[in-house]
Amino acid sequence: MFMGEYNHTIDAKGRLIIPSKFREILGDNFVVTKGLDGCLFVYDNTEWTAFEEKLKALPLTNKESRKFVRFFLAGAANVEVDKQGRILLPAVLRAFAALDKEVILAGVGGRIEIWNKEKWEEVSEYDDMDDIAEHMSDLGLML
């Protein structure tokens, strides 16, 4: 399980150091794709395979399903960790998530999210957590 929040920078070539705690779980290669809310999602190969199977099960005849599958799969890239613990983020993914210099890597259970630092600061304000917590019971989560 991925947990924690890490500040890092992307160099001029588009390389990003992956924290060692995350690399232990991810291994030497893994998948990065477009994520929801304007970030990137990072999956180890086991989680990615499970996610792919769920995407394959969606009905091809449904327009929203096709769009959803296209969003995640067309934007996906296999990346490899170099000897310095870095990955090369494809330009199309950096542009999608507006990643230029400072980024946040956030462990969120079965995946990692990579955020533009400014956008992370906007979305990680938790002033409304009491209201959100009340609605989680509707989704089956009881605290």
N, C-alpha and C. Protein backbone atom coordinates (compact mmCIF):
# COMPACT_ATOMS: atom_id res chain seq x y z
N MET A 1 0.85 -1.18 0.00
CA MET A 1 0.00 0.00 0.00
C MET A 1 0.89 1.24 0.00
N PHE A 2 0.54 2.18 -0.85
CA PHE A 2 1.29 3.43 -0.93
C PHE A 2 0.70 4.45 0.03
N MET A 3 1.59 5.08 0.82
CA MET A 3 1.17 6.12 1.76
C MET A 3 2.24 7.19 1.78
N GLY A 4 1.85 8.39 2.15
CA GLY A 4 2.81 9.47 2.33
C GLY A 4 2.76 10.49 1.22
N GLU A 5 3.39 11.62 1.50
CA GLU A 5 3.43 12.76 0.58
C GLU A 5 4.88 13.22 0.48
N TYR A 6 5.36 13.35 -0.75
CA TYR A 6 6.76 13.70 -0.98
C TYR A 6 6.88 14.84 -1.98
N ASN A 7 7.73 15.81 -1.66
CA ASN A 7 8.04 16.91 -2.57
C ASN A 7 9.25 16.51 -3.41
N HIS A 8 9.15 16.70 -4.72
CA HIS A 8 10.28 16.42 -5.61
C HIS A 8 10.27 17.43 -6.75
N THR A 9 11.32 17.39 -7.55
CA THR A 9 11.39 18.24 -8.73
C THR A 9 11.61 17.40 -9.97
N ILE A 10 11.12 17.91 -11.08
CA ILE A 10 11.37 17.31 -12.38
C ILE A 10 12.50 18.10 -13.02
N ASP A 11 13.49 17.39 -13.56
CA ASP A 11 14.60 18.10 -14.18
C ASP A 11 14.23 18.54 -15.60
N ALA A 12 15.14 19.25 -16.26
CA ALA A 12 14.89 19.81 -17.59
C ALA A 12 14.59 18.74 -18.63
N LYS A 13 15.05 17.52 -18.41
CA LYS A 13 14.80 16.43 -19.36
C LYS A 13 13.51 15.67 -19.07
N GLY A 14 12.80 16.07 -18.02
CA GLY A 14 11.54 15.41 -17.70
C GLY A 14 11.70 14.21 -16.78
N ARG A 15 12.83 14.13 -16.07
CA ARG A 15 13.08 13.01 -15.17
C ARG A 15 12.65 13.36 -13.74
N LEU A 16 12.13 12.37 -13.07
CA LEU A 16 11.61 12.53 -11.72
C LEU A 16 12.15 11.41 -10.85
N ILE A 17 12.69 11.76 -9.68
CA ILE A 17 13.13 10.75 -8.72
C ILE A 17 11.91 10.19 -8.00
N ILE A 18 11.84 8.87 -7.96
CA ILE A 18 10.77 8.20 -7.24
C ILE A 18 11.28 7.88 -5.83
N PRO A 19 10.56 8.28 -4.79
CA PRO A 19 11.01 7.99 -3.42
C PRO A 19 11.29 6.51 -3.22
N SER A 20 12.33 6.20 -2.46
CA SER A 20 12.75 4.80 -2.28
C SER A 20 11.64 3.94 -1.68
N LYS A 21 10.82 4.50 -0.78
CA LYS A 21 9.72 3.73 -0.21
C LYS A 21 8.73 3.29 -1.29
N PHE A 22 8.52 4.15 -2.27
CA PHE A 22 7.63 3.79 -3.38
C PHE A 22 8.31 2.81 -4.32
N ARG A 23 9.60 2.99 -4.58
CA ARG A 23 10.32 2.09 -5.50
C ARG A 23 10.33 0.66 -4.97
N GLU A 24 10.37 0.50 -3.66
CA GLU A 24 10.35 -0.84 -3.08
C GLU A 24 9.10 -1.61 -3.51
N ILE A 25 8.00 -0.93 -3.62
CA ILE A 25 6.73 -1.56 -4.01
C ILE A 25 6.60 -1.60 -5.53
N LEU A 26 6.98 -0.53 -6.21
CA LEU A 26 6.81 -0.44 -7.66
C LEU A 26 7.72 -1.37 -8.44
N GLY A 27 8.93 -1.58 -7.95
CA GLY A 27 9.89 -2.36 -8.72
C GLY A 27 10.61 -1.49 -9.73
N ASP A 28 11.24 -2.13 -10.71
CA ASP A 28 12.06 -1.42 -11.70
C ASP A 28 11.27 -0.83 -12.85
N ASN A 29 10.06 -1.31 -13.07
CA ASN A 29 9.21 -0.74 -14.14
C ASN A 29 7.77 -0.82 -13.71
N PHE A 30 7.01 0.15 -14.20
CA PHE A 30 5.61 0.28 -13.80
C PHE A 30 4.90 1.18 -14.80
N VAL A 31 3.65 1.49 -14.54
CA VAL A 31 2.82 2.25 -15.49
C VAL A 31 2.43 3.60 -14.90
N VAL A 32 2.56 4.64 -15.74
CA VAL A 32 2.08 5.98 -15.41
C VAL A 32 1.03 6.34 -16.46
N THR A 33 -0.07 6.91 -16.01
CA THR A 33 -1.14 7.29 -16.95
C THR A 33 -1.81 8.57 -16.47
N LYS A 34 -2.66 9.11 -17.33
CA LYS A 34 -3.47 10.26 -16.94
C LYS A 34 -4.35 9.84 -15.77
N GLY A 35 -4.54 10.76 -14.84
CA GLY A 35 -5.39 10.48 -13.69
C GLY A 35 -6.55 11.45 -13.64
N LEU A 36 -7.39 11.25 -12.69
CA LEU A 36 -8.53 12.15 -12.49
C LEU A 36 -8.08 13.39 -11.73
N ASP A 37 -8.82 14.44 -11.82
CA ASP A 37 -8.54 15.70 -11.13
C ASP A 37 -7.29 16.41 -11.64
N GLY A 38 -6.76 16.00 -12.79
CA GLY A 38 -5.60 16.69 -13.37
C GLY A 38 -4.26 16.22 -12.87
N CYS A 39 -4.18 15.07 -12.24
CA CYS A 39 -2.89 14.53 -11.81
C CYS A 39 -2.56 13.31 -12.66
N LEU A 40 -1.42 12.68 -12.38
CA LEU A 40 -1.05 11.41 -13.01
C LEU A 40 -1.24 10.29 -12.00
N PHE A 41 -1.63 9.12 -12.48
CA PHE A 41 -1.74 7.93 -11.65
C PHE A 41 -0.55 7.03 -11.96
N VAL A 42 0.02 6.43 -10.93
CA VAL A 42 1.13 5.49 -11.06
C VAL A 42 0.68 4.17 -10.44
N TYR A 43 0.82 3.08 -11.22
CA TYR A 43 0.42 1.76 -10.76
C TYR A 43 1.59 0.79 -10.88
N ASP A 44 1.75 -0.07 -9.87
CA ASP A 44 2.69 -1.18 -10.06
C ASP A 44 2.04 -2.13 -11.07
N ASN A 45 2.81 -3.07 -11.58
CA ASN A 45 2.31 -3.92 -12.67
C ASN A 45 1.12 -4.78 -12.25
N THR A 46 1.08 -5.22 -11.00
CA THR A 46 -0.04 -6.04 -10.54
C THR A 46 -1.33 -5.21 -10.48
N GLU A 47 -1.24 -4.02 -9.90
CA GLU A 47 -2.43 -3.15 -9.82
C GLU A 47 -2.88 -2.73 -11.23
N TRP A 48 -1.92 -2.45 -12.10
CA TRP A 48 -2.26 -2.04 -13.46
C TRP A 48 -3.00 -3.15 -14.19
N THR A 49 -2.53 -4.38 -14.06
CA THR A 49 -3.19 -5.51 -14.72
C THR A 49 -4.62 -5.66 -14.23
N ALA A 50 -4.83 -5.51 -12.92
CA ALA A 50 -6.18 -5.61 -12.36
C ALA A 50 -7.06 -4.48 -12.89
N PHE A 51 -6.49 -3.27 -12.99
CA PHE A 51 -7.24 -2.13 -13.52
C PHE A 51 -7.57 -2.35 -15.00
N GLU A 52 -6.62 -2.85 -15.77
CA GLU A 52 -6.87 -3.14 -17.19
C GLU A 52 -8.02 -4.13 -17.36
N GLU A 53 -8.05 -5.14 -16.52
CA GLU A 53 -9.13 -6.14 -16.60
C GLU A 53 -10.48 -5.49 -16.35
N LYS A 54 -10.55 -4.57 -15.41
CA LYS A 54 -11.80 -3.86 -15.15
C LYS A 54 -12.20 -3.01 -16.36
N LEU A 55 -11.20 -2.37 -16.98
CA LEU A 55 -11.49 -1.56 -18.16
C LEU A 55 -11.98 -2.43 -19.32
N LYS A 56 -11.37 -3.59 -19.50
CA LYS A 56 -11.77 -4.51 -20.58
C LYS A 56 -13.20 -4.99 -20.40
N ALA A 57 -13.65 -5.06 -19.15
CA ALA A 57 -15.00 -5.56 -18.87
C ALA A 57 -16.08 -4.53 -19.16
N LEU A 58 -15.71 -3.29 -19.38
CA LEU A 58 -16.71 -2.26 -19.68
C LEU A 58 -17.30 -2.50 -21.07
N PRO A 59 -18.57 -2.19 -21.26
CA PRO A 59 -19.22 -2.46 -22.55
C PRO A 59 -18.71 -1.53 -23.66
N LEU A 60 -18.25 -2.12 -24.72
CA LEU A 60 -17.76 -1.37 -25.87
C LEU A 60 -18.88 -0.57 -26.55
N THR A 61 -20.09 -0.99 -26.36
CA THR A 61 -21.22 -0.31 -26.99
C THR A 61 -21.63 0.98 -26.28
N ASN A 62 -21.08 1.21 -25.11
CA ASN A 62 -21.40 2.41 -24.33
C ASN A 62 -20.36 3.49 -24.62
N LYS A 63 -20.83 4.64 -25.10
CA LYS A 63 -19.93 5.73 -25.49
C LYS A 63 -19.07 6.22 -24.33
N GLU A 64 -19.66 6.36 -23.14
CA GLU A 64 -18.90 6.83 -21.98
C GLU A 64 -17.84 5.81 -21.57
N SER A 65 -18.16 4.52 -21.69
CA SER A 65 -17.17 3.48 -21.39
C SER A 65 -15.98 3.58 -22.33
N ARG A 66 -16.25 3.74 -23.63
CA ARG A 66 -15.16 3.86 -24.61
C ARG A 66 -14.28 5.06 -24.30
N LYS A 67 -14.90 6.16 -23.95
CA LYS A 67 -14.14 7.37 -23.63
C LYS A 67 -13.30 7.18 -22.36
N PHE A 68 -13.87 6.54 -21.37
CA PHE A 68 -13.18 6.27 -20.12
C PHE A 68 -11.96 5.37 -20.35
N VAL A 69 -12.14 4.31 -21.11
CA VAL A 69 -11.04 3.39 -21.42
C VAL A 69 -9.96 4.12 -22.21
N ARG A 70 -10.37 4.88 -23.19
CA ARG A 70 -9.42 5.64 -24.03
C ARG A 70 -8.60 6.60 -23.18
N PHE A 71 -9.25 7.27 -22.24
CA PHE A 71 -8.57 8.23 -21.38
C PHE A 71 -7.40 7.57 -20.65
N PHE A 72 -7.65 6.42 -20.05
CA PHE A 72 -6.60 5.77 -19.26
C PHE A 72 -5.58 5.01 -20.10
N LEU A 73 -6.03 4.30 -21.12
CA LEU A 73 -5.11 3.47 -21.87
C LEU A 73 -4.29 4.23 -22.90
N ALA A 74 -4.89 5.18 -23.61
CA ALA A 74 -4.14 5.92 -24.62
C ALA A 74 -3.07 6.80 -23.98
N GLY A 75 -3.30 7.21 -22.75
CA GLY A 75 -2.33 8.05 -22.06
C GLY A 75 -1.31 7.28 -21.25
N ALA A 76 -1.41 5.95 -21.23
CA ALA A 76 -0.53 5.15 -20.37
C ALA A 76 0.86 4.97 -20.98
N ALA A 77 1.85 4.88 -20.09
CA ALA A 77 3.22 4.64 -20.52
C ALA A 77 3.92 3.73 -19.52
N ASN A 78 4.64 2.75 -20.03
CA ASN A 78 5.52 1.94 -19.18
C ASN A 78 6.78 2.73 -18.96
N VAL A 79 7.21 2.85 -17.72
CA VAL A 79 8.43 3.58 -17.41
C VAL A 79 9.38 2.67 -16.64
N GLU A 80 10.67 2.96 -16.77
CA GLU A 80 11.69 2.19 -16.07
C GLU A 80 12.49 3.11 -15.17
N VAL A 81 12.88 2.60 -14.03
CA VAL A 81 13.69 3.35 -13.09
C VAL A 81 15.16 3.20 -13.48
N ASP A 82 15.87 4.33 -13.56
CA ASP A 82 17.30 4.28 -13.87
C ASP A 82 18.11 4.06 -12.59
N LYS A 83 19.42 4.02 -12.72
CA LYS A 83 20.29 3.73 -11.57
C LYS A 83 20.22 4.80 -10.48
N GLN A 84 19.78 6.01 -10.83
CA GLN A 84 19.64 7.08 -9.85
C GLN A 84 18.24 7.13 -9.23
N GLY A 85 17.39 6.16 -9.57
CA GLY A 85 16.04 6.12 -9.01
C GLY A 85 15.07 7.05 -9.72
N ARG A 86 15.41 7.44 -10.96
CA ARG A 86 14.56 8.37 -11.71
C ARG A 86 13.77 7.65 -12.79
N ILE A 87 12.66 8.26 -13.17
CA ILE A 87 11.91 7.83 -14.35
C ILE A 87 11.82 9.01 -15.30
N LEU A 88 11.64 8.72 -16.57
CA LEU A 88 11.40 9.76 -17.56
C LEU A 88 9.91 9.82 -17.81
N LEU A 89 9.30 10.94 -17.43
CA LEU A 89 7.86 11.13 -17.67
C LEU A 89 7.66 11.61 -19.10
N PRO A 90 6.86 10.92 -19.89
CA PRO A 90 6.61 11.38 -21.26
C PRO A 90 6.05 12.80 -21.29
N ALA A 91 6.43 13.56 -22.30
CA ALA A 91 6.02 14.96 -22.43
C ALA A 91 4.50 15.10 -22.41
N VAL A 92 3.78 14.19 -23.06
CA VAL A 92 2.32 14.30 -23.11
C VAL A 92 1.71 14.19 -21.71
N LEU A 93 2.30 13.36 -20.86
CA LEU A 93 1.79 13.24 -19.49
C LEU A 93 2.17 14.46 -18.64
N ARG A 94 3.39 14.97 -18.84
CA ARG A 94 3.79 16.18 -18.12
C ARG A 94 2.88 17.34 -18.50
N ALA A 95 2.54 17.46 -19.78
CA ALA A 95 1.66 18.54 -20.23
C ALA A 95 0.26 18.37 -19.66
N PHE A 96 -0.26 17.15 -19.66
CA PHE A 96 -1.60 16.90 -19.15
C PHE A 96 -1.73 17.37 -17.70
N ALA A 97 -0.74 17.05 -16.87
CA ALA A 97 -0.81 17.36 -15.44
C ALA A 97 -0.13 18.68 -15.09
N ALA A 98 0.29 19.44 -16.11
CA ALA A 98 0.96 20.73 -15.90
C ALA A 98 2.16 20.60 -14.97
N LEU A 99 2.96 19.56 -15.21
CA LEU A 99 4.14 19.32 -14.38
C LEU A 99 5.33 20.01 -15.03
N ASP A 100 5.94 20.92 -14.28
CA ASP A 100 7.11 21.59 -14.84
C ASP A 100 8.32 21.44 -13.93
N LYS A 101 8.27 21.86 -12.72
CA LYS A 101 9.44 21.81 -11.84
C LYS A 101 9.09 21.10 -10.53
N GLU A 102 8.33 21.76 -9.68
CA GLU A 102 8.00 21.18 -8.38
C GLU A 102 6.74 20.33 -8.45
N VAL A 103 6.86 19.10 -7.91
CA VAL A 103 5.74 18.17 -7.93
C VAL A 103 5.58 17.54 -6.55
N ILE A 104 4.41 16.98 -6.34
CA ILE A 104 4.10 16.21 -5.14
C ILE A 104 3.76 14.79 -5.58
N LEU A 105 4.37 13.83 -4.91
CA LEU A 105 4.00 12.43 -5.09
C LEU A 105 3.23 12.02 -3.84
N ALA A 106 2.01 11.56 -4.03
CA ALA A 106 1.15 11.20 -2.90
C ALA A 106 0.76 9.73 -3.02
N GLY A 107 1.03 8.97 -1.97
CA GLY A 107 0.60 7.59 -1.93
C GLY A 107 -0.85 7.52 -1.48
N VAL A 108 -1.68 6.88 -2.30
CA VAL A 108 -3.11 6.81 -1.99
C VAL A 108 -3.61 5.36 -2.14
N GLY A 109 -3.02 4.48 -1.36
CA GLY A 109 -3.46 3.08 -1.36
C GLY A 109 -2.83 2.28 -2.47
N GLY A 110 -3.62 1.90 -3.46
CA GLY A 110 -3.14 1.06 -4.56
C GLY A 110 -2.42 1.79 -5.67
N ARG A 111 -2.26 3.09 -5.53
CA ARG A 111 -1.59 3.87 -6.58
C ARG A 111 -0.89 5.07 -5.96
N ILE A 112 -0.08 5.71 -6.78
CA ILE A 112 0.57 6.97 -6.43
C ILE A 112 -0.02 8.02 -7.35
N GLU A 113 -0.19 9.22 -6.84
CA GLU A 113 -0.61 10.35 -7.68
C GLU A 113 0.55 11.33 -7.76
N ILE A 114 0.79 11.85 -8.96
CA ILE A 114 1.81 12.87 -9.18
C ILE A 114 1.08 14.16 -9.53
N TRP A 115 1.34 15.21 -8.73
CA TRP A 115 0.62 16.47 -8.85
C TRP A 115 1.56 17.64 -9.10
N ASN A 116 1.09 18.60 -9.85
CA ASN A 116 1.70 19.92 -9.88
C ASN A 116 1.56 20.45 -8.46
N LYS A 117 2.65 21.00 -7.90
CA LYS A 117 2.63 21.41 -6.49
C LYS A 117 1.54 22.43 -6.18
N GLU A 118 1.36 23.42 -7.04
CA GLU A 118 0.33 24.44 -6.79
C GLU A 118 -1.07 23.83 -6.81
N LYS A 119 -1.31 22.94 -7.77
CA LYS A 119 -2.63 22.31 -7.85
C LYS A 119 -2.86 21.42 -6.63
N TRP A 120 -1.81 20.71 -6.17
CA TRP A 120 -1.93 19.88 -4.97
C TRP A 120 -2.36 20.72 -3.77
N GLU A 121 -1.76 21.89 -3.64
CA GLU A 121 -2.10 22.76 -2.51
C GLU A 121 -3.56 23.18 -2.56
N GLU A 122 -4.10 23.32 -3.77
CA GLU A 122 -5.52 23.66 -3.91
C GLU A 122 -6.43 22.49 -3.53
N VAL A 123 -6.10 21.29 -4.03
CA VAL A 123 -7.00 20.15 -3.83
C VAL A 123 -6.81 19.46 -2.49
N SER A 124 -5.73 19.78 -1.79
CA SER A 124 -5.49 19.09 -0.52
C SER A 124 -5.88 19.95 0.68
N GLU A 125 -6.78 20.88 0.48
CA GLU A 125 -7.37 21.60 1.60
C GLU A 125 -8.54 20.76 2.10
N TYR A 126 -8.54 20.50 3.39
CA TYR A 126 -9.51 19.56 3.94
C TYR A 126 -10.48 20.22 4.90
N ASP A 127 -10.88 21.45 4.60
CA ASP A 127 -11.81 22.18 5.46
C ASP A 127 -13.18 21.51 5.53
N ASP A 128 -13.53 20.75 4.49
CA ASP A 128 -14.87 20.16 4.41
C ASP A 128 -14.89 18.67 4.77
N MET A 129 -13.87 18.18 5.48
CA MET A 129 -13.79 16.75 5.77
C MET A 129 -14.92 16.23 6.64
N ASP A 130 -15.43 17.05 7.54
CA ASP A 130 -16.55 16.58 8.36
C ASP A 130 -17.76 16.29 7.48
N ASP A 131 -18.04 17.18 6.52
CA ASP A 131 -19.16 16.97 5.61
C ASP A 131 -18.93 15.75 4.73
N ILE A 132 -17.72 15.62 4.22
CA ILE A 132 -17.40 14.46 3.37
C ILE A 132 -17.51 13.17 4.17
N ALA A 133 -17.01 13.16 5.40
CA ALA A 133 -17.07 11.96 6.24
C ALA A 133 -18.51 11.51 6.45
N GLU A 134 -19.43 12.46 6.60
CA GLU A 134 -20.83 12.12 6.77
C GLU A 134 -21.37 11.36 5.57
N HIS A 135 -20.90 11.70 4.38
CA HIS A 135 -21.40 11.08 3.15
C HIS A 135 -20.70 9.75 2.82
N MET A 136 -19.61 9.45 3.49
CA MET A 136 -18.91 8.20 3.22
C MET A 136 -19.71 6.99 3.63
N SER A 137 -20.59 7.14 4.60
CA SER A 137 -21.43 6.01 5.00
C SER A 137 -22.34 5.58 3.84
N ASP A 138 -22.71 6.53 2.98
CA ASP A 138 -23.51 6.18 1.81
C ASP A 138 -22.74 5.26 0.86
N LEU A 139 -21.40 5.31 0.93
CA LEU A 139 -20.55 4.47 0.09
C LEU A 139 -20.09 3.22 0.83
N GLY A 140 -20.59 3.02 2.05
CA GLY A 140 -20.28 1.82 2.81
C GLY A 140 -19.11 1.94 3.76
N LEU A 141 -18.58 3.14 3.97
CA LEU A 141 -17.45 3.33 4.87
C LEU A 141 -17.95 3.89 6.18
N MET A 142 -17.75 3.12 7.22
CA MET A 142 -18.17 3.57 8.56
C MET A 142 -16.90 3.80 9.37
N LEU A 143 -16.79 4.97 9.99
CA LEU A 143 -15.63 5.27 10.83
C LEU A 143 -15.89 4.90 12.26
